[in-house]
Amino acid sequence: MIRVVLIILSLALTSNWMYATKRAHSIQHGTFRPIPLPFQQIDFANRTYRSSLWKGLIRLKDGAVEIPYEKIGGDSFDLEDVYFADLNGDGIDEAIVPLFWLECGISCDAGSYLFFIYSMRNGRLRLLQELSTTSLAYECGLKSFTLNGKQLTVEVFKTCKYTGSSFKPTDNSYRDDWKFFSHKFSRFTFAFTGNKFVLKKREFFPNPEPHVLNYHAQVAISRN
């Protein structure tokens, strides 16, 4: 009986955490932007996504999906926003689509970001690149994502490397930090070359505020 009560309490706490976290991110990032003509037939809120960090398909319906575990917790994916910018200077916008992924068991990991970059050519949507962070609680959580013209700067907490599609810890030293603590952060500078972002520089800095539990990632996209 006590075990049943504990399981119910854990589920309630997990559900409340997931709701509060998703609500906070919804408020932080605001409403969707006007859609350029080539993308007006694309419904990013009702679409299937495939990520290098997720073992299955992410089938969004009305901008969200929840995938429960067999016992306690689950994964949830939410469409954060849809941004548009001309990345290669040809006068045609590309789409930058961030999904927020929250993973919960007894507690939650404060989320990861999956960024998908698309072009539209001859009426067909084409995935150019995925740039995804790992969890804020334990690994390379997103600090900021700043796009200005063809230059992209991504900052993630902890000492991390870029694998070609995601940001992951360079070694096991990240385990020295407690959950939701990060004493360092990494800065990656990319340039859009051809049809993807190419890494140009990686830097490491001390993190002045190591407690990151309530940190809200900064996403800034400039059309210039």
C-alpha atoms as a PDB file:
ATOM      1  CA  MET A   1       0.000   0.000   0.000  1.00  0.00           C
ATOM      2  CA  ILE A   2       2.807   2.404   0.921  1.00  0.00           C
ATOM      3  CA  ARG A   3       4.561   1.585  -2.374  1.00  0.00           C
ATOM      4  CA  VAL A   4       1.393   2.381  -4.350  1.00  0.00           C
ATOM      5  CA  VAL A   5       1.040   5.744  -2.577  1.00  0.00           C
ATOM      6  CA  LEU A   6       4.696   6.586  -3.291  1.00  0.00           C
ATOM      7  CA  ILE A   7       4.284   5.740  -6.987  1.00  0.00           C
ATOM      8  CA  ILE A   8       1.153   7.908  -7.261  1.00  0.00           C
ATOM      9  CA  LEU A   9       2.950  10.780  -5.504  1.00  0.00           C
ATOM     10  CA  SER A  10       5.963  10.422  -7.826  1.00  0.00           C
ATOM     11  CA  LEU A  11       3.715  10.499 -10.895  1.00  0.00           C
ATOM     12  CA  ALA A  12       1.930  13.606  -9.612  1.00  0.00           C
ATOM     13  CA  LEU A  13       5.204  15.405  -8.889  1.00  0.00           C
ATOM     14  CA  THR A  14       6.617  14.427 -12.297  1.00  0.00           C
ATOM     15  CA  SER A  15       3.447  15.607 -14.061  1.00  0.00           C
ATOM     16  CA  ASN A  16       3.504  18.955 -12.211  1.00  0.00           C
ATOM     17  CA  TRP A  17       7.227  19.424 -13.002  1.00  0.00           C
ATOM     18  CA  MET A  18       6.683  18.683 -16.700  1.00  0.00           C
ATOM     19  CA  TYR A  19       3.736  21.099 -16.876  1.00  0.00           C
ATOM     20  CA  ALA A  20       5.598  23.894 -15.061  1.00  0.00           C
ATOM     21  CA  THR A  21       8.728  23.463 -17.176  1.00  0.00           C
ATOM     22  CA  LYS A  22       6.840  23.454 -20.483  1.00  0.00           C
ATOM     23  CA  ARG A  23       4.748  26.455 -19.420  1.00  0.00           C
ATOM     24  CA  ALA A  24       7.894  28.403 -18.477  1.00  0.00           C
ATOM     25  CA  HIS A  25       9.488  27.698 -21.857  1.00  0.00           C
ATOM     26  CA  SER A  26       6.277  28.608 -23.698  1.00  0.00           C
ATOM     27  CA  ILE A  27       6.161  31.968 -21.911  1.00  0.00           C
ATOM     28  CA  GLN A  28       9.884  32.533 -22.489  1.00  0.00           C
ATOM     29  CA  HIS A  29       9.834  32.011 -26.245  1.00  0.00           C
ATOM     30  CA  GLY A  30       6.525  33.586 -27.172  1.00  0.00           C
ATOM     31  CA  THR A  31       4.378  33.104 -30.243  1.00  0.00           C
ATOM     32  CA  PHE A  32       5.115  31.836 -33.706  1.00  0.00           C
ATOM     33  CA  ARG A  33       6.445  34.148 -36.428  1.00  0.00           C
ATOM     34  CA  PRO A  34       4.962  34.993 -39.861  1.00  0.00           C
ATOM     35  CA  ILE A  35       5.627  32.216 -42.368  1.00  0.00           C
ATOM     36  CA  PRO A  36       7.441  32.991 -45.652  1.00  0.00           C
ATOM     37  CA  LEU A  37       5.565  31.948 -48.790  1.00  0.00           C
ATOM     38  CA  PRO A  38       7.654  28.806 -49.610  1.00  0.00           C
ATOM     39  CA  PHE A  39       6.919  27.343 -46.150  1.00  0.00           C
ATOM     40  CA  GLN A  40       3.230  28.177 -45.892  1.00  0.00           C
ATOM     41  CA  GLN A  41       2.151  24.656 -46.806  1.00  0.00           C
ATOM     42  CA  ILE A  42       4.401  23.080 -44.166  1.00  0.00           C
ATOM     43  CA  ASP A  43       2.831  22.331 -40.795  1.00  0.00           C
ATOM     44  CA  PHE A  44       5.775  22.050 -38.407  1.00  0.00           C
ATOM     45  CA  ALA A  45       3.404  21.501 -35.470  1.00  0.00           C
ATOM     46  CA  ASN A  46       2.023  18.295 -36.996  1.00  0.00           C
ATOM     47  CA  ARG A  47       5.073  16.581 -38.364  1.00  0.00           C
ATOM     48  CA  THR A  48       7.345  13.618 -37.692  1.00  0.00           C
ATOM     49  CA  TYR A  49      10.943  14.354 -36.694  1.00  0.00           C
ATOM     50  CA  ARG A  50      13.947  12.070 -36.389  1.00  0.00           C
ATOM     51  CA  SER A  51      16.867  12.987 -34.103  1.00  0.00           C
ATOM     52  CA  SER A  52      20.322  11.494 -33.616  1.00  0.00           C
ATOM     53  CA  LEU A  53      19.666  11.649 -29.845  1.00  0.00           C
ATOM     54  CA  TRP A  54      16.309   9.831 -29.861  1.00  0.00           C
ATOM     55  CA  LYS A  55      15.868   6.152 -30.703  1.00  0.00           C
ATOM     56  CA  GLY A  56      12.459   6.464 -32.342  1.00  0.00           C
ATOM     57  CA  LEU A  57      10.269   8.856 -34.296  1.00  0.00           C
ATOM     58  CA  ILE A  58       8.987  12.097 -32.775  1.00  0.00           C
ATOM     59  CA  ARG A  59       5.426  12.475 -34.044  1.00  0.00           C
ATOM     60  CA  LEU A  60       4.130  15.902 -33.046  1.00  0.00           C
ATOM     61  CA  LYS A  61       0.424  16.610 -32.913  1.00  0.00           C
ATOM     62  CA  ASP A  62      -0.592  20.232 -32.390  1.00  0.00           C
ATOM     63  CA  GLY A  63       3.024  21.003 -31.507  1.00  0.00           C
ATOM     64  CA  ALA A  64       3.573  18.383 -28.810  1.00  0.00           C
ATOM     65  CA  VAL A  65       3.792  14.707 -27.936  1.00  0.00           C
ATOM     66  CA  GLU A  66       4.201  12.826 -24.668  1.00  0.00           C
ATOM     67  CA  ILE A  67       5.682   9.326 -24.605  1.00  0.00           C
ATOM     68  CA  PRO A  68       5.152   7.632 -21.210  1.00  0.00           C
ATOM     69  CA  TYR A  69       7.513   5.027 -19.788  1.00  0.00           C
ATOM     70  CA  GLU A  70       6.266   1.613 -18.762  1.00  0.00           C
ATOM     71  CA  LYS A  71       6.564   2.481 -15.061  1.00  0.00           C
ATOM     72  CA  ILE A  72       7.259   6.060 -13.921  1.00  0.00           C
ATOM     73  CA  GLY A  73       7.797   9.187 -16.015  1.00  0.00           C
ATOM     74  CA  GLY A  74       8.302   9.631 -19.736  1.00  0.00           C
ATOM     75  CA  ASP A  75       9.540  11.904 -22.497  1.00  0.00           C
ATOM     76  CA  SER A  76       7.789  14.965 -23.864  1.00  0.00           C
ATOM     77  CA  PHE A  77       8.606  16.961 -26.992  1.00  0.00           C
ATOM     78  CA  ASP A  78       7.305  20.463 -27.697  1.00  0.00           C
ATOM     79  CA  LEU A  79       7.689  22.724 -30.706  1.00  0.00           C
ATOM     80  CA  GLU A  80       9.242  25.855 -29.205  1.00  0.00           C
ATOM     81  CA  ASP A  81       8.953  28.171 -32.207  1.00  0.00           C
ATOM     82  CA  VAL A  82       9.737  28.369 -35.914  1.00  0.00           C
ATOM     83  CA  TYR A  83      12.330  30.898 -37.079  1.00  0.00           C
ATOM     84  CA  PHE A  84      13.180  31.944 -40.641  1.00  0.00           C
ATOM     85  CA  ALA A  85      16.412  33.422 -41.975  1.00  0.00           C
ATOM     86  CA  ASP A  86      18.277  33.567 -45.283  1.00  0.00           C
ATOM     87  CA  LEU A  87      21.379  31.592 -44.320  1.00  0.00           C
ATOM     88  CA  ASN A  88      23.185  31.397 -47.667  1.00  0.00           C
ATOM     89  CA  GLY A  89      22.333  34.840 -49.066  1.00  0.00           C
ATOM     90  CA  ASP A  90      20.274  33.621 -52.035  1.00  0.00           C
ATOM     91  CA  GLY A  91      17.191  35.615 -51.040  1.00  0.00           C
ATOM     92  CA  ILE A  92      15.270  32.500 -49.941  1.00  0.00           C
ATOM     93  CA  ASP A  93      14.698  31.816 -46.256  1.00  0.00           C
ATOM     94  CA  GLU A  94      15.617  28.632 -44.462  1.00  0.00           C
ATOM     95  CA  ALA A  95      13.663  27.423 -41.409  1.00  0.00           C
ATOM     96  CA  ILE A  96      15.177  26.858 -37.963  1.00  0.00           C
ATOM     97  CA  VAL A  97      12.899  24.614 -35.892  1.00  0.00           C
ATOM     98  CA  PRO A  98      13.716  23.996 -32.183  1.00  0.00           C
ATOM     99  CA  LEU A  99      12.027  21.212 -30.239  1.00  0.00           C
ATOM    100  CA  PHE A 100      12.253  21.114 -26.448  1.00  0.00           C
ATOM    101  CA  TRP A 101      12.743  17.578 -25.098  1.00  0.00           C
ATOM    102  CA  LEU A 102      12.016  16.916 -21.421  1.00  0.00           C
ATOM    103  CA  GLU A 103      12.914  13.538 -19.920  1.00  0.00           C
ATOM    104  CA  CYS A 104      11.398  12.556 -16.568  1.00  0.00           C
ATOM    105  CA  GLY A 105      11.639   9.613 -14.204  1.00  0.00           C
ATOM    106  CA  ILE A 106      11.436  10.202 -10.447  1.00  0.00           C
ATOM    107  CA  SER A 107      12.687  13.703 -11.334  1.00  0.00           C
ATOM    108  CA  CYS A 108      13.259  15.573 -14.607  1.00  0.00           C
ATOM    109  CA  ASP A 109      16.428  16.525 -16.487  1.00  0.00           C
ATOM    110  CA  ALA A 110      15.359  20.170 -17.198  1.00  0.00           C
ATOM    111  CA  GLY A 111      15.396  19.487 -20.912  1.00  0.00           C
ATOM    112  CA  SER A 112      17.407  19.354 -24.112  1.00  0.00           C
ATOM    113  CA  TYR A 113      17.004  21.312 -27.347  1.00  0.00           C
ATOM    114  CA  LEU A 114      16.805  19.724 -30.784  1.00  0.00           C
ATOM    115  CA  PHE A 115      17.374  22.271 -33.568  1.00  0.00           C
ATOM    116  CA  PHE A 116      16.413  21.230 -37.108  1.00  0.00           C
ATOM    117  CA  ILE A 117      17.403  23.390 -40.084  1.00  0.00           C
ATOM    118  CA  TYR A 118      15.395  23.056 -43.295  1.00  0.00           C
ATOM    119  CA  SER A 119      15.447  24.474 -46.799  1.00  0.00           C
ATOM    120  CA  MET A 120      12.638  24.496 -49.321  1.00  0.00           C
ATOM    121  CA  ARG A 121      13.585  23.659 -52.910  1.00  0.00           C
ATOM    122  CA  ASN A 122      11.188  22.950 -55.768  1.00  0.00           C
ATOM    123  CA  GLY A 123       8.305  22.652 -53.343  1.00  0.00           C
ATOM    124  CA  ARG A 124      10.047  19.997 -51.230  1.00  0.00           C
ATOM    125  CA  LEU A 125      11.212  20.322 -47.633  1.00  0.00           C
ATOM    126  CA  ARG A 126      14.824  19.244 -47.125  1.00  0.00           C
ATOM    127  CA  LEU A 127      16.587  18.719 -43.787  1.00  0.00           C
ATOM    128  CA  LEU A 128      19.975  20.435 -43.984  1.00  0.00           C
ATOM    129  CA  GLN A 129      21.266  19.835 -40.477  1.00  0.00           C
ATOM    130  CA  GLU A 130      20.505  18.937 -36.870  1.00  0.00           C
ATOM    131  CA  LEU A 131      22.173  20.807 -33.982  1.00  0.00           C
ATOM    132  CA  SER A 132      21.076  19.370 -30.648  1.00  0.00           C
ATOM    133  CA  THR A 133      22.099  19.833 -27.038  1.00  0.00           C
ATOM    134  CA  THR A 134      21.948  17.296 -24.231  1.00  0.00           C
ATOM    135  CA  SER A 135      20.306  17.671 -20.824  1.00  0.00           C
ATOM    136  CA  LEU A 136      20.691  20.743 -18.646  1.00  0.00           C
ATOM    137  CA  ALA A 137      20.760  18.592 -15.511  1.00  0.00           C
ATOM    138  CA  TYR A 138      23.674  16.332 -16.374  1.00  0.00           C
ATOM    139  CA  GLU A 139      25.364  17.123 -19.688  1.00  0.00           C
ATOM    140  CA  CYS A 140      25.669  19.931 -22.263  1.00  0.00           C
ATOM    141  CA  GLY A 141      22.500  21.938 -21.622  1.00  0.00           C
ATOM    142  CA  LEU A 142      21.794  24.941 -23.826  1.00  0.00           C
ATOM    143  CA  LYS A 143      22.961  28.319 -22.555  1.00  0.00           C
ATOM    144  CA  SER A 144      22.381  30.337 -25.740  1.00  0.00           C
ATOM    145  CA  PHE A 145      21.779  29.943 -29.470  1.00  0.00           C
ATOM    146  CA  THR A 146      22.538  33.128 -31.421  1.00  0.00           C
ATOM    147  CA  LEU A 147      22.291  33.412 -35.193  1.00  0.00           C
ATOM    148  CA  ASN A 148      23.477  36.614 -36.888  1.00  0.00           C
ATOM    149  CA  GLY A 149      23.619  36.391 -40.664  1.00  0.00           C
ATOM    150  CA  LYS A 150      25.789  33.401 -41.553  1.00  0.00           C
ATOM    151  CA  GLN A 151      27.414  33.174 -38.118  1.00  0.00           C
ATOM    152  CA  LEU A 152      25.976  30.955 -35.418  1.00  0.00           C
ATOM    153  CA  THR A 153      27.194  30.950 -31.817  1.00  0.00           C
ATOM    154  CA  VAL A 154      26.066  28.141 -29.534  1.00  0.00           C
ATOM    155  CA  GLU A 155      26.905  28.126 -25.835  1.00  0.00           C
ATOM    156  CA  VAL A 156      26.370  25.019 -23.716  1.00  0.00           C
ATOM    157  CA  PHE A 157      27.084  24.319 -20.079  1.00  0.00           C
ATOM    158  CA  LYS A 158      30.076  22.138 -19.092  1.00  0.00           C
ATOM    159  CA  THR A 159      33.166  21.256 -21.159  1.00  0.00           C
ATOM    160  CA  CYS A 160      31.741  19.839 -24.370  1.00  0.00           C
ATOM    161  CA  LYS A 161      32.523  18.748 -27.915  1.00  0.00           C
ATOM    162  CA  TYR A 162      30.528  18.925 -31.132  1.00  0.00           C
ATOM    163  CA  THR A 163      29.908  15.503 -32.690  1.00  0.00           C
ATOM    164  CA  GLY A 164      28.541  16.666 -36.044  1.00  0.00           C
ATOM    165  CA  SER A 165      24.913  16.792 -34.922  1.00  0.00           C
ATOM    166  CA  SER A 166      24.949  17.263 -31.142  1.00  0.00           C
ATOM    167  CA  PHE A 167      26.930  18.603 -28.181  1.00  0.00           C
ATOM    168  CA  LYS A 168      28.258  16.094 -25.647  1.00  0.00           C
ATOM    169  CA  PRO A 169      30.700  16.159 -22.704  1.00  0.00           C
ATOM    170  CA  THR A 170      34.343  15.785 -23.708  1.00  0.00           C
ATOM    171  CA  ASP A 171      34.970  13.155 -20.994  1.00  0.00           C
ATOM    172  CA  ASN A 172      33.616  11.952 -17.675  1.00  0.00           C
ATOM    173  CA  SER A 173      34.729  15.070 -15.812  1.00  0.00           C
ATOM    174  CA  TYR A 174      31.164  16.417 -16.057  1.00  0.00           C
ATOM    175  CA  ARG A 175      30.227  13.829 -13.430  1.00  0.00           C
ATOM    176  CA  ASP A 176      32.227  15.858 -10.909  1.00  0.00           C
ATOM    177  CA  ASP A 177      29.438  18.463 -10.955  1.00  0.00           C
ATOM    178  CA  TRP A 178      26.239  17.911  -9.012  1.00  0.00           C
ATOM    179  CA  LYS A 179      22.925  17.732 -10.804  1.00  0.00           C
ATOM    180  CA  PHE A 180      22.025  21.199 -12.177  1.00  0.00           C
ATOM    181  CA  PHE A 181      25.536  22.521 -11.487  1.00  0.00           C
ATOM    182  CA  SER A 182      28.055  23.592 -14.107  1.00  0.00           C
ATOM    183  CA  HIS A 183      31.340  25.293 -13.256  1.00  0.00           C
ATOM    184  CA  LYS A 184      32.274  25.831 -16.924  1.00  0.00           C
ATOM    185  CA  PHE A 185      30.589  26.497 -20.240  1.00  0.00           C
ATOM    186  CA  SER A 186      31.626  25.954 -23.857  1.00  0.00           C
ATOM    187  CA  ARG A 187      31.222  28.355 -26.783  1.00  0.00           C
ATOM    188  CA  PHE A 188      31.063  27.091 -30.374  1.00  0.00           C
ATOM    189  CA  THR A 189      31.276  29.432 -33.363  1.00  0.00           C
ATOM    190  CA  PHE A 190      29.918  28.182 -36.684  1.00  0.00           C
ATOM    191  CA  ALA A 191      29.784  29.650 -40.192  1.00  0.00           C
ATOM    192  CA  PHE A 192      27.158  28.654 -42.734  1.00  0.00           C
ATOM    193  CA  THR A 193      29.074  27.241 -45.696  1.00  0.00           C
ATOM    194  CA  GLY A 194      27.317  25.677 -48.672  1.00  0.00           C
ATOM    195  CA  ASN A 195      24.319  24.014 -47.055  1.00  0.00           C
ATOM    196  CA  LYS A 196      25.311  23.567 -43.405  1.00  0.00           C
ATOM    197  CA  PHE A 197      26.970  25.163 -40.393  1.00  0.00           C
ATOM    198  CA  VAL A 198      30.677  24.343 -40.125  1.00  0.00           C
ATOM    199  CA  LEU A 199      32.488  24.595 -36.790  1.00  0.00           C
ATOM    200  CA  LYS A 200      35.195  27.298 -36.794  1.00  0.00           C
ATOM    201  CA  LYS A 201      36.110  27.726 -33.120  1.00  0.00           C
ATOM    202  CA  ARG A 202      35.566  26.132 -29.709  1.00  0.00           C
ATOM    203  CA  GLU A 203      36.290  27.979 -26.441  1.00  0.00           C
ATOM    204  CA  PHE A 204      35.862  27.245 -22.722  1.00  0.00           C
ATOM    205  CA  PHE A 205      35.002  29.716 -19.972  1.00  0.00           C
ATOM    206  CA  PRO A 206      34.318  29.630 -16.224  1.00  0.00           C
ATOM    207  CA  ASN A 207      30.608  29.786 -15.474  1.00  0.00           C
ATOM    208  CA  PRO A 208      29.967  32.685 -13.040  1.00  0.00           C
ATOM    209  CA  GLU A 209      26.623  31.243 -11.888  1.00  0.00           C
ATOM    210  CA  PRO A 210      27.117  27.466 -11.611  1.00  0.00           C
ATOM    211  CA  HIS A 211      23.595  26.683 -10.365  1.00  0.00           C
ATOM    212  CA  VAL A 212      21.552  26.229 -13.569  1.00  0.00           C
ATOM    213  CA  LEU A 213      18.300  24.631 -12.382  1.00  0.00           C
ATOM    214  CA  ASN A 214      16.102  27.639 -13.224  1.00  0.00           C
ATOM    215  CA  TYR A 215      18.118  28.848 -16.195  1.00  0.00           C
ATOM    216  CA  HIS A 216      16.145  29.710 -19.357  1.00  0.00           C
ATOM    217  CA  ALA A 217      18.107  29.288 -22.585  1.00  0.00           C
ATOM    218  CA  GLN A 218      18.453  32.369 -24.796  1.00  0.00           C
ATOM    219  CA  VAL A 219      17.551  31.925 -28.465  1.00  0.00           C
ATOM    220  CA  ALA A 220      18.123  34.889 -30.800  1.00  0.00           C
ATOM    221  CA  ILE A 221      17.714  34.696 -34.580  1.00  0.00           C
ATOM    222  CA  SER A 222      18.596  37.677 -36.774  1.00  0.00           C
ATOM    223  CA  ARG A 223      17.373  37.835 -40.367  1.00  0.00           C
ATOM    224  CA  ASN A 224      20.241  40.160 -41.387  1.00  0.00           C
END
